[in-house]
Amino acid sequence: MPAITAISADQADRLFWLGRYVERVYSTLRVFNRALDRMLDQNGSDYVEFCRRLSISCPYDGPEDFVRRYLFDASNPDSIASSLSHAYDNAIVMRNFITTETMAYIQLALDSLEAGGAAESAFLETQRISDFLLAFWGSVDDRVASLERRDLLKTGKYAERLDLMLRLEMPEYRIDALAHRLLSHTRSIRPLLNESAVDALEAEAAAFNRPGAQPDRQKLLALVNKLH
């Protein structure tokens, strides 16, 4: 394996978690927006199941309170606002490696979130946030020259997406494809990860190809959260 570009443990941690937090905002917003009308108009208690599946606390006083606090309350550690703030904090520290232009898309997403908090309807602003985060990933591909730094970001990204898919009980074929996609980004950075967790995840992914195999979702979830 070629020598890894000099990346400190702190830099590796920040890049990995930058990827996770950006993806956490993007993917949970997609799930949230699909469920929003149902939460408010059809089954007001759906947000309780949403929280249960994501293994987050549910201290809300109804669907409207959930929508407001889950999206905009930065003091709520499970909120979109909190995750996006954590992403920005990591991006600020790593701006010399990811470029200021790439970091700017997270700032734009934060600005949109702030605007959404004051808007009568938050839906359009959450769509803008998603667009800015997609632009962030496009900028990563275009502007981050180091393969290892890109792979740290994308290992975080796909670890977070796999975590969410497992919690939401997505179909096996989607879990299989995403696990292999995640692993493809670990090859250049294995020494910067928990290699025993990578090995175990590779073994689980290989088992998907056996006839009649069913993924052990709880084991996969534990391994994904031990990668770094």
C-alpha atoms as a PDB file:
ATOM      1  CA  MET A   1       0.000   0.000   0.000  1.00  0.00           C
ATOM      2  CA  PRO A   2       1.387   3.481  -0.849  1.00  0.00           C
ATOM      3  CA  ALA A   3       2.421   5.663   2.071  1.00  0.00           C
ATOM      4  CA  ILE A   4      -0.444   7.706   3.446  1.00  0.00           C
ATOM      5  CA  THR A   5      -0.209  11.458   3.137  1.00  0.00           C
ATOM      6  CA  ALA A   6       0.768  12.834   6.563  1.00  0.00           C
ATOM      7  CA  ILE A   7      -2.536  13.094   8.427  1.00  0.00           C
ATOM      8  CA  SER A   8      -2.591  13.497  12.193  1.00  0.00           C
ATOM      9  CA  ALA A   9      -5.009  11.584  14.388  1.00  0.00           C
ATOM     10  CA  ASP A  10      -6.889  14.827  15.099  1.00  0.00           C
ATOM     11  CA  GLN A  11      -7.166  15.669  11.401  1.00  0.00           C
ATOM     12  CA  ALA A  12      -8.388  12.152  10.606  1.00  0.00           C
ATOM     13  CA  ASP A  13     -11.005  12.414  13.344  1.00  0.00           C
ATOM     14  CA  ARG A  14     -12.228  15.797  12.123  1.00  0.00           C
ATOM     15  CA  LEU A  15     -12.444  14.724   8.482  1.00  0.00           C
ATOM     16  CA  PHE A  16     -14.295  11.519   9.352  1.00  0.00           C
ATOM     17  CA  TRP A  17     -16.800  13.358  11.541  1.00  0.00           C
ATOM     18  CA  LEU A  18     -17.173  16.201   9.066  1.00  0.00           C
ATOM     19  CA  GLY A  19     -18.298  13.574   6.567  1.00  0.00           C
ATOM     20  CA  ARG A  20     -20.650  11.989   9.089  1.00  0.00           C
ATOM     21  CA  TYR A  21     -22.264  15.224  10.226  1.00  0.00           C
ATOM     22  CA  VAL A  22     -22.815  16.504   6.671  1.00  0.00           C
ATOM     23  CA  GLU A  23     -24.417  13.208   5.705  1.00  0.00           C
ATOM     24  CA  ARG A  24     -26.464  13.108   8.916  1.00  0.00           C
ATOM     25  CA  VAL A  25     -28.035  16.435   8.010  1.00  0.00           C
ATOM     26  CA  TYR A  26     -28.586  15.526   4.358  1.00  0.00           C
ATOM     27  CA  SER A  27     -30.024  12.035   4.875  1.00  0.00           C
ATOM     28  CA  THR A  28     -32.175  12.795   7.885  1.00  0.00           C
ATOM     29  CA  LEU A  29     -33.599  15.855   6.110  1.00  0.00           C
ATOM     30  CA  ARG A  30     -34.665  13.606   3.239  1.00  0.00           C
ATOM     31  CA  VAL A  31     -36.402  11.240   5.650  1.00  0.00           C
ATOM     32  CA  PHE A  32     -37.849  14.156   7.615  1.00  0.00           C
ATOM     33  CA  ASN A  33     -39.291  15.887   4.542  1.00  0.00           C
ATOM     34  CA  ARG A  34     -40.957  12.691   3.320  1.00  0.00           C
ATOM     35  CA  ALA A  35     -42.582  12.229   6.709  1.00  0.00           C
ATOM     36  CA  LEU A  36     -43.422  15.883   7.446  1.00  0.00           C
ATOM     37  CA  ASP A  37     -46.913  16.045   5.933  1.00  0.00           C
ATOM     38  CA  ARG A  38     -47.892  12.788   7.579  1.00  0.00           C
ATOM     39  CA  MET A  39     -46.625  13.996  10.930  1.00  0.00           C
ATOM     40  CA  LEU A  40     -48.647  17.206  10.772  1.00  0.00           C
ATOM     41  CA  ASP A  41     -51.775  16.136   8.906  1.00  0.00           C
ATOM     42  CA  GLN A  42     -52.367  12.419   9.257  1.00  0.00           C
ATOM     43  CA  ASN A  43     -50.686  10.847  12.242  1.00  0.00           C
ATOM     44  CA  GLY A  44     -49.322  13.390  14.668  1.00  0.00           C
ATOM     45  CA  SER A  45     -47.484  10.758  16.688  1.00  0.00           C
ATOM     46  CA  ASP A  46     -45.278   9.614  13.779  1.00  0.00           C
ATOM     47  CA  TYR A  47     -42.437  11.709  15.145  1.00  0.00           C
ATOM     48  CA  VAL A  48     -42.276   9.350  18.157  1.00  0.00           C
ATOM     49  CA  GLU A  49     -41.535   6.419  15.844  1.00  0.00           C
ATOM     50  CA  PHE A  50     -39.063   8.584  13.921  1.00  0.00           C
ATOM     51  CA  CYS A  51     -37.134   9.241  17.144  1.00  0.00           C
ATOM     52  CA  ARG A  52     -37.312   5.604  18.201  1.00  0.00           C
ATOM     53  CA  ARG A  53     -35.862   4.366  14.943  1.00  0.00           C
ATOM     54  CA  LEU A  54     -33.016   6.878  15.100  1.00  0.00           C
ATOM     55  CA  SER A  55     -32.358   6.027  18.771  1.00  0.00           C
ATOM     56  CA  ILE A  56     -32.653   9.662  19.819  1.00  0.00           C
ATOM     57  CA  SER A  57     -34.534  11.207  22.724  1.00  0.00           C
ATOM     58  CA  CYS A  58     -38.111  12.391  22.227  1.00  0.00           C
ATOM     59  CA  PRO A  59     -38.749  15.315  24.623  1.00  0.00           C
ATOM     60  CA  TYR A  60     -41.291  17.016  22.336  1.00  0.00           C
ATOM     61  CA  ASP A  61     -44.776  18.321  23.142  1.00  0.00           C
ATOM     62  CA  GLY A  62     -46.350  17.325  19.834  1.00  0.00           C
ATOM     63  CA  PRO A  63     -45.567  17.362  16.118  1.00  0.00           C
ATOM     64  CA  GLU A  64     -45.247  21.148  15.772  1.00  0.00           C
ATOM     65  CA  ASP A  65     -42.820  21.281  18.694  1.00  0.00           C
ATOM     66  CA  PHE A  66     -40.881  18.395  17.170  1.00  0.00           C
ATOM     67  CA  VAL A  67     -40.597  20.105  13.778  1.00  0.00           C
ATOM     68  CA  ARG A  68     -39.405  23.381  15.315  1.00  0.00           C
ATOM     69  CA  ARG A  69     -36.943  21.946  17.805  1.00  0.00           C
ATOM     70  CA  TYR A  70     -35.658  19.064  15.693  1.00  0.00           C
ATOM     71  CA  LEU A  71     -34.831  21.410  12.828  1.00  0.00           C
ATOM     72  CA  PHE A  72     -33.769  24.650  14.509  1.00  0.00           C
ATOM     73  CA  ASP A  73     -32.839  24.164  18.180  1.00  0.00           C
ATOM     74  CA  ALA A  74     -29.030  24.098  18.284  1.00  0.00           C
ATOM     75  CA  SER A  75     -29.149  23.333  22.018  1.00  0.00           C
ATOM     76  CA  ASN A  76     -30.876  20.042  21.199  1.00  0.00           C
ATOM     77  CA  PRO A  77     -27.975  17.603  20.560  1.00  0.00           C
ATOM     78  CA  ASP A  78     -30.141  15.511  18.213  1.00  0.00           C
ATOM     79  CA  SER A  79     -31.267  18.424  16.041  1.00  0.00           C
ATOM     80  CA  ILE A  80     -30.391  19.251  12.458  1.00  0.00           C
ATOM     81  CA  ALA A  81     -29.073  22.605  13.707  1.00  0.00           C
ATOM     82  CA  SER A  82     -26.709  20.886  16.138  1.00  0.00           C
ATOM     83  CA  SER A  83     -25.366  18.461  13.515  1.00  0.00           C
ATOM     84  CA  LEU A  84     -24.850  21.226  10.972  1.00  0.00           C
ATOM     85  CA  SER A  85     -23.048  23.345  13.575  1.00  0.00           C
ATOM     86  CA  HIS A  86     -20.733  20.412  14.357  1.00  0.00           C
ATOM     87  CA  ALA A  87     -20.061  19.995  10.638  1.00  0.00           C
ATOM     88  CA  TYR A  88     -19.184  23.688  10.372  1.00  0.00           C
ATOM     89  CA  ASP A  89     -16.892  23.549  13.413  1.00  0.00           C
ATOM     90  CA  ASN A  90     -14.924  20.693  11.848  1.00  0.00           C
ATOM     91  CA  ALA A  91     -14.889  22.381   8.435  1.00  0.00           C
ATOM     92  CA  ILE A  92     -13.458  25.599   9.930  1.00  0.00           C
ATOM     93  CA  VAL A  93     -10.537  23.697  11.430  1.00  0.00           C
ATOM     94  CA  MET A  94      -9.955  21.713   8.228  1.00  0.00           C
ATOM     95  CA  ARG A  95     -10.490  24.559   5.739  1.00  0.00           C
ATOM     96  CA  ASN A  96      -6.837  24.539   4.617  1.00  0.00           C
ATOM     97  CA  PHE A  97      -7.284  20.917   3.541  1.00  0.00           C
ATOM     98  CA  ILE A  98     -10.815  20.982   2.139  1.00  0.00           C
ATOM     99  CA  THR A  99     -10.488  24.586   0.784  1.00  0.00           C
ATOM    100  CA  THR A 100     -12.424  27.656   1.806  1.00  0.00           C
ATOM    101  CA  GLU A 101     -14.688  27.250  -1.242  1.00  0.00           C
ATOM    102  CA  THR A 102     -15.770  23.805  -0.057  1.00  0.00           C
ATOM    103  CA  MET A 103     -16.349  25.019   3.502  1.00  0.00           C
ATOM    104  CA  ALA A 104     -18.485  27.875   2.147  1.00  0.00           C
ATOM    105  CA  TYR A 105     -21.263  25.461   1.170  1.00  0.00           C
ATOM    106  CA  ILE A 106     -21.693  24.497   4.825  1.00  0.00           C
ATOM    107  CA  GLN A 107     -21.887  28.182   5.747  1.00  0.00           C
ATOM    108  CA  LEU A 108     -24.572  28.631   3.082  1.00  0.00           C
ATOM    109  CA  ALA A 109     -26.465  25.658   4.496  1.00  0.00           C
ATOM    110  CA  LEU A 110     -26.292  27.214   7.973  1.00  0.00           C
ATOM    111  CA  ASP A 111     -27.578  30.511   6.587  1.00  0.00           C
ATOM    112  CA  SER A 112     -30.504  28.679   4.981  1.00  0.00           C
ATOM    113  CA  LEU A 113     -31.275  26.890   8.230  1.00  0.00           C
ATOM    114  CA  GLU A 114     -31.351  30.221  10.062  1.00  0.00           C
ATOM    115  CA  ALA A 115     -33.660  31.651   7.398  1.00  0.00           C
ATOM    116  CA  GLY A 116     -35.895  28.590   7.701  1.00  0.00           C
ATOM    117  CA  GLY A 117     -36.293  29.171  11.407  1.00  0.00           C
ATOM    118  CA  ALA A 118     -37.852  32.549  10.702  1.00  0.00           C
ATOM    119  CA  ALA A 119     -39.917  31.433   7.705  1.00  0.00           C
ATOM    120  CA  GLU A 120     -43.596  30.509   7.772  1.00  0.00           C
ATOM    121  CA  SER A 121     -42.760  27.208   6.073  1.00  0.00           C
ATOM    122  CA  ALA A 122     -39.358  25.573   6.518  1.00  0.00           C
ATOM    123  CA  PHE A 123     -39.718  23.162   3.597  1.00  0.00           C
ATOM    124  CA  LEU A 124     -38.091  25.333   0.907  1.00  0.00           C
ATOM    125  CA  GLU A 125     -35.139  26.178   3.145  1.00  0.00           C
ATOM    126  CA  THR A 126     -34.549  22.509   3.967  1.00  0.00           C
ATOM    127  CA  GLN A 127     -34.473  21.849   0.219  1.00  0.00           C
ATOM    128  CA  ARG A 128     -31.852  24.567  -0.162  1.00  0.00           C
ATOM    129  CA  ILE A 129     -29.821  23.045   2.664  1.00  0.00           C
ATOM    130  CA  SER A 130     -29.847  19.697   0.853  1.00  0.00           C
ATOM    131  CA  ASP A 131     -28.744  21.396  -2.379  1.00  0.00           C
ATOM    132  CA  PHE A 132     -25.839  23.142  -0.652  1.00  0.00           C
ATOM    133  CA  LEU A 133     -24.696  19.882   0.937  1.00  0.00           C
ATOM    134  CA  LEU A 134     -24.759  18.140  -2.434  1.00  0.00           C
ATOM    135  CA  ALA A 135     -22.631  21.032  -3.736  1.00  0.00           C
ATOM    136  CA  PHE A 136     -20.271  20.469  -0.788  1.00  0.00           C
ATOM    137  CA  TRP A 137     -19.633  16.895  -1.935  1.00  0.00           C
ATOM    138  CA  GLY A 138     -19.135  18.029  -5.502  1.00  0.00           C
ATOM    139  CA  SER A 139     -16.564  20.532  -4.272  1.00  0.00           C
ATOM    140  CA  VAL A 140     -14.810  17.822  -2.249  1.00  0.00           C
ATOM    141  CA  ASP A 141     -14.378  15.768  -5.425  1.00  0.00           C
ATOM    142  CA  ASP A 142     -13.184  18.794  -7.380  1.00  0.00           C
ATOM    143  CA  ARG A 143     -10.992  20.606  -4.864  1.00  0.00           C
ATOM    144  CA  VAL A 144      -9.635  18.142  -2.269  1.00  0.00           C
ATOM    145  CA  ALA A 145      -6.496  16.837  -3.948  1.00  0.00           C
ATOM    146  CA  SER A 146      -5.535  14.221  -1.354  1.00  0.00           C
ATOM    147  CA  LEU A 147      -7.121  10.800  -1.969  1.00  0.00           C
ATOM    148  CA  GLU A 148      -6.741   9.906   1.693  1.00  0.00           C
ATOM    149  CA  ARG A 149      -8.534  13.041   2.885  1.00  0.00           C
ATOM    150  CA  ARG A 150     -11.328  12.483   0.381  1.00  0.00           C
ATOM    151  CA  ASP A 151     -11.631   8.880   1.528  1.00  0.00           C
ATOM    152  CA  LEU A 152     -11.786   9.898   5.191  1.00  0.00           C
ATOM    153  CA  LEU A 153     -14.630  12.273   4.379  1.00  0.00           C
ATOM    154  CA  LYS A 154     -16.451   9.649   2.330  1.00  0.00           C
ATOM    155  CA  THR A 155     -15.893   6.880   4.853  1.00  0.00           C
ATOM    156  CA  GLY A 156     -17.657   9.145   7.350  1.00  0.00           C
ATOM    157  CA  LYS A 157     -20.354   9.915   4.780  1.00  0.00           C
ATOM    158  CA  TYR A 158     -21.183   6.316   3.954  1.00  0.00           C
ATOM    159  CA  ALA A 159     -20.794   5.128   7.546  1.00  0.00           C
ATOM    160  CA  GLU A 160     -23.491   7.637   8.514  1.00  0.00           C
ATOM    161  CA  ARG A 161     -25.747   6.666   5.611  1.00  0.00           C
ATOM    162  CA  LEU A 162     -25.384   2.965   6.405  1.00  0.00           C
ATOM    163  CA  ASP A 163     -26.131   3.670  10.073  1.00  0.00           C
ATOM    164  CA  LEU A 164     -29.354   5.426   9.040  1.00  0.00           C
ATOM    165  CA  MET A 165     -30.394   2.705   6.585  1.00  0.00           C
ATOM    166  CA  LEU A 166     -29.884   0.033   9.217  1.00  0.00           C
ATOM    167  CA  ARG A 167     -31.943   1.947  11.764  1.00  0.00           C
ATOM    168  CA  LEU A 168     -34.732   2.551   9.247  1.00  0.00           C
ATOM    169  CA  GLU A 169     -34.757  -1.129   8.264  1.00  0.00           C
ATOM    170  CA  MET A 170     -34.070  -0.560   4.581  1.00  0.00           C
ATOM    171  CA  PRO A 171     -34.071  -3.610   2.242  1.00  0.00           C
ATOM    172  CA  GLU A 172     -31.124  -6.014   2.269  1.00  0.00           C
ATOM    173  CA  TYR A 173     -29.997  -5.180  -1.272  1.00  0.00           C
ATOM    174  CA  ARG A 174     -29.540  -1.534  -0.339  1.00  0.00           C
ATOM    175  CA  ILE A 175     -27.599  -2.439   2.799  1.00  0.00           C
ATOM    176  CA  ASP A 176     -25.363  -4.754   0.742  1.00  0.00           C
ATOM    177  CA  ALA A 177     -24.596  -2.134  -1.917  1.00  0.00           C
ATOM    178  CA  LEU A 178     -23.896   0.582   0.616  1.00  0.00           C
ATOM    179  CA  ALA A 179     -21.635  -1.599   2.767  1.00  0.00           C
ATOM    180  CA  HIS A 180     -19.474  -2.361  -0.267  1.00  0.00           C
ATOM    181  CA  ARG A 181     -19.429   1.310  -1.249  1.00  0.00           C
ATOM    182  CA  LEU A 182     -18.316   2.263   2.258  1.00  0.00           C
ATOM    183  CA  LEU A 183     -15.554  -0.343   2.228  1.00  0.00           C
ATOM    184  CA  SER A 184     -14.244   0.900  -1.120  1.00  0.00           C
ATOM    185  CA  HIS A 185     -13.247   4.150   0.618  1.00  0.00           C
ATOM    186  CA  THR A 186     -11.437   2.452   3.514  1.00  0.00           C
ATOM    187  CA  ARG A 187      -8.676   0.862   1.436  1.00  0.00           C
ATOM    188  CA  SER A 188      -6.367   3.864   1.260  1.00  0.00           C
ATOM    189  CA  ILE A 189      -6.835   4.813   4.937  1.00  0.00           C
ATOM    190  CA  ARG A 190      -6.948   1.510   6.855  1.00  0.00           C
ATOM    191  CA  PRO A 191      -4.169   2.558   9.296  1.00  0.00           C
ATOM    192  CA  LEU A 192      -6.260   5.613  10.238  1.00  0.00           C
ATOM    193  CA  LEU A 193      -9.308   3.475  11.089  1.00  0.00           C
ATOM    194  CA  ASN A 194     -10.108   0.683  13.534  1.00  0.00           C
ATOM    195  CA  GLU A 195      -8.707  -2.097  11.356  1.00  0.00           C
ATOM    196  CA  SER A 196     -10.367  -4.899  13.321  1.00  0.00           C
ATOM    197  CA  ALA A 197     -13.745  -3.239  12.693  1.00  0.00           C
ATOM    198  CA  VAL A 198     -12.911  -2.895   8.987  1.00  0.00           C
ATOM    199  CA  ASP A 199     -11.954  -6.590   8.844  1.00  0.00           C
ATOM    200  CA  ALA A 200     -15.177  -7.631  10.556  1.00  0.00           C
ATOM    201  CA  LEU A 201     -17.265  -5.379   8.291  1.00  0.00           C
ATOM    202  CA  GLU A 202     -15.570  -6.892   5.223  1.00  0.00           C
ATOM    203  CA  ALA A 203     -16.438 -10.383   6.496  1.00  0.00           C
ATOM    204  CA  GLU A 204     -20.063  -9.391   7.021  1.00  0.00           C
ATOM    205  CA  ALA A 205     -20.247  -7.815   3.558  1.00  0.00           C
ATOM    206  CA  ALA A 206     -18.771 -10.938   1.955  1.00  0.00           C
ATOM    207  CA  ALA A 207     -21.467 -13.026   3.653  1.00  0.00           C
ATOM    208  CA  PHE A 208     -24.153 -11.072   1.773  1.00  0.00           C
ATOM    209  CA  ASN A 209     -23.233 -13.013  -1.371  1.00  0.00           C
ATOM    210  CA  ARG A 210     -24.146 -16.380   0.111  1.00  0.00           C
ATOM    211  CA  PRO A 211     -27.529 -17.777  -1.011  1.00  0.00           C
ATOM    212  CA  GLY A 212     -30.251 -16.894   1.474  1.00  0.00           C
ATOM    213  CA  ALA A 213     -27.912 -14.760   3.593  1.00  0.00           C
ATOM    214  CA  GLN A 214     -29.544 -12.163   5.849  1.00  0.00           C
ATOM    215  CA  PRO A 215     -27.453  -9.307   7.218  1.00  0.00           C
ATOM    216  CA  ASP A 216     -27.107  -9.148  10.986  1.00  0.00           C
ATOM    217  CA  ARG A 217     -28.283  -5.560  11.269  1.00  0.00           C
ATOM    218  CA  GLN A 218     -27.341  -5.025  14.894  1.00  0.00           C
ATOM    219  CA  LYS A 219     -23.847  -6.389  14.311  1.00  0.00           C
ATOM    220  CA  LEU A 220     -23.420  -4.201  11.240  1.00  0.00           C
ATOM    221  CA  LEU A 221     -24.626  -1.163  13.148  1.00  0.00           C
ATOM    222  CA  ALA A 222     -22.118  -1.821  15.923  1.00  0.00           C
ATOM    223  CA  LEU A 223     -19.259  -2.287  13.444  1.00  0.00           C
ATOM    224  CA  VAL A 224     -20.093   0.883  11.511  1.00  0.00           C
ATOM    225  CA  ASN A 225     -19.880   2.853  14.746  1.00  0.00           C
ATOM    226  CA  LYS A 226     -16.528   1.307  15.644  1.00  0.00           C
ATOM    227  CA  LEU A 227     -14.786   2.250  12.397  1.00  0.00           C
ATOM    228  CA  HIS A 228     -13.255   5.391  13.860  1.00  0.00           C
END
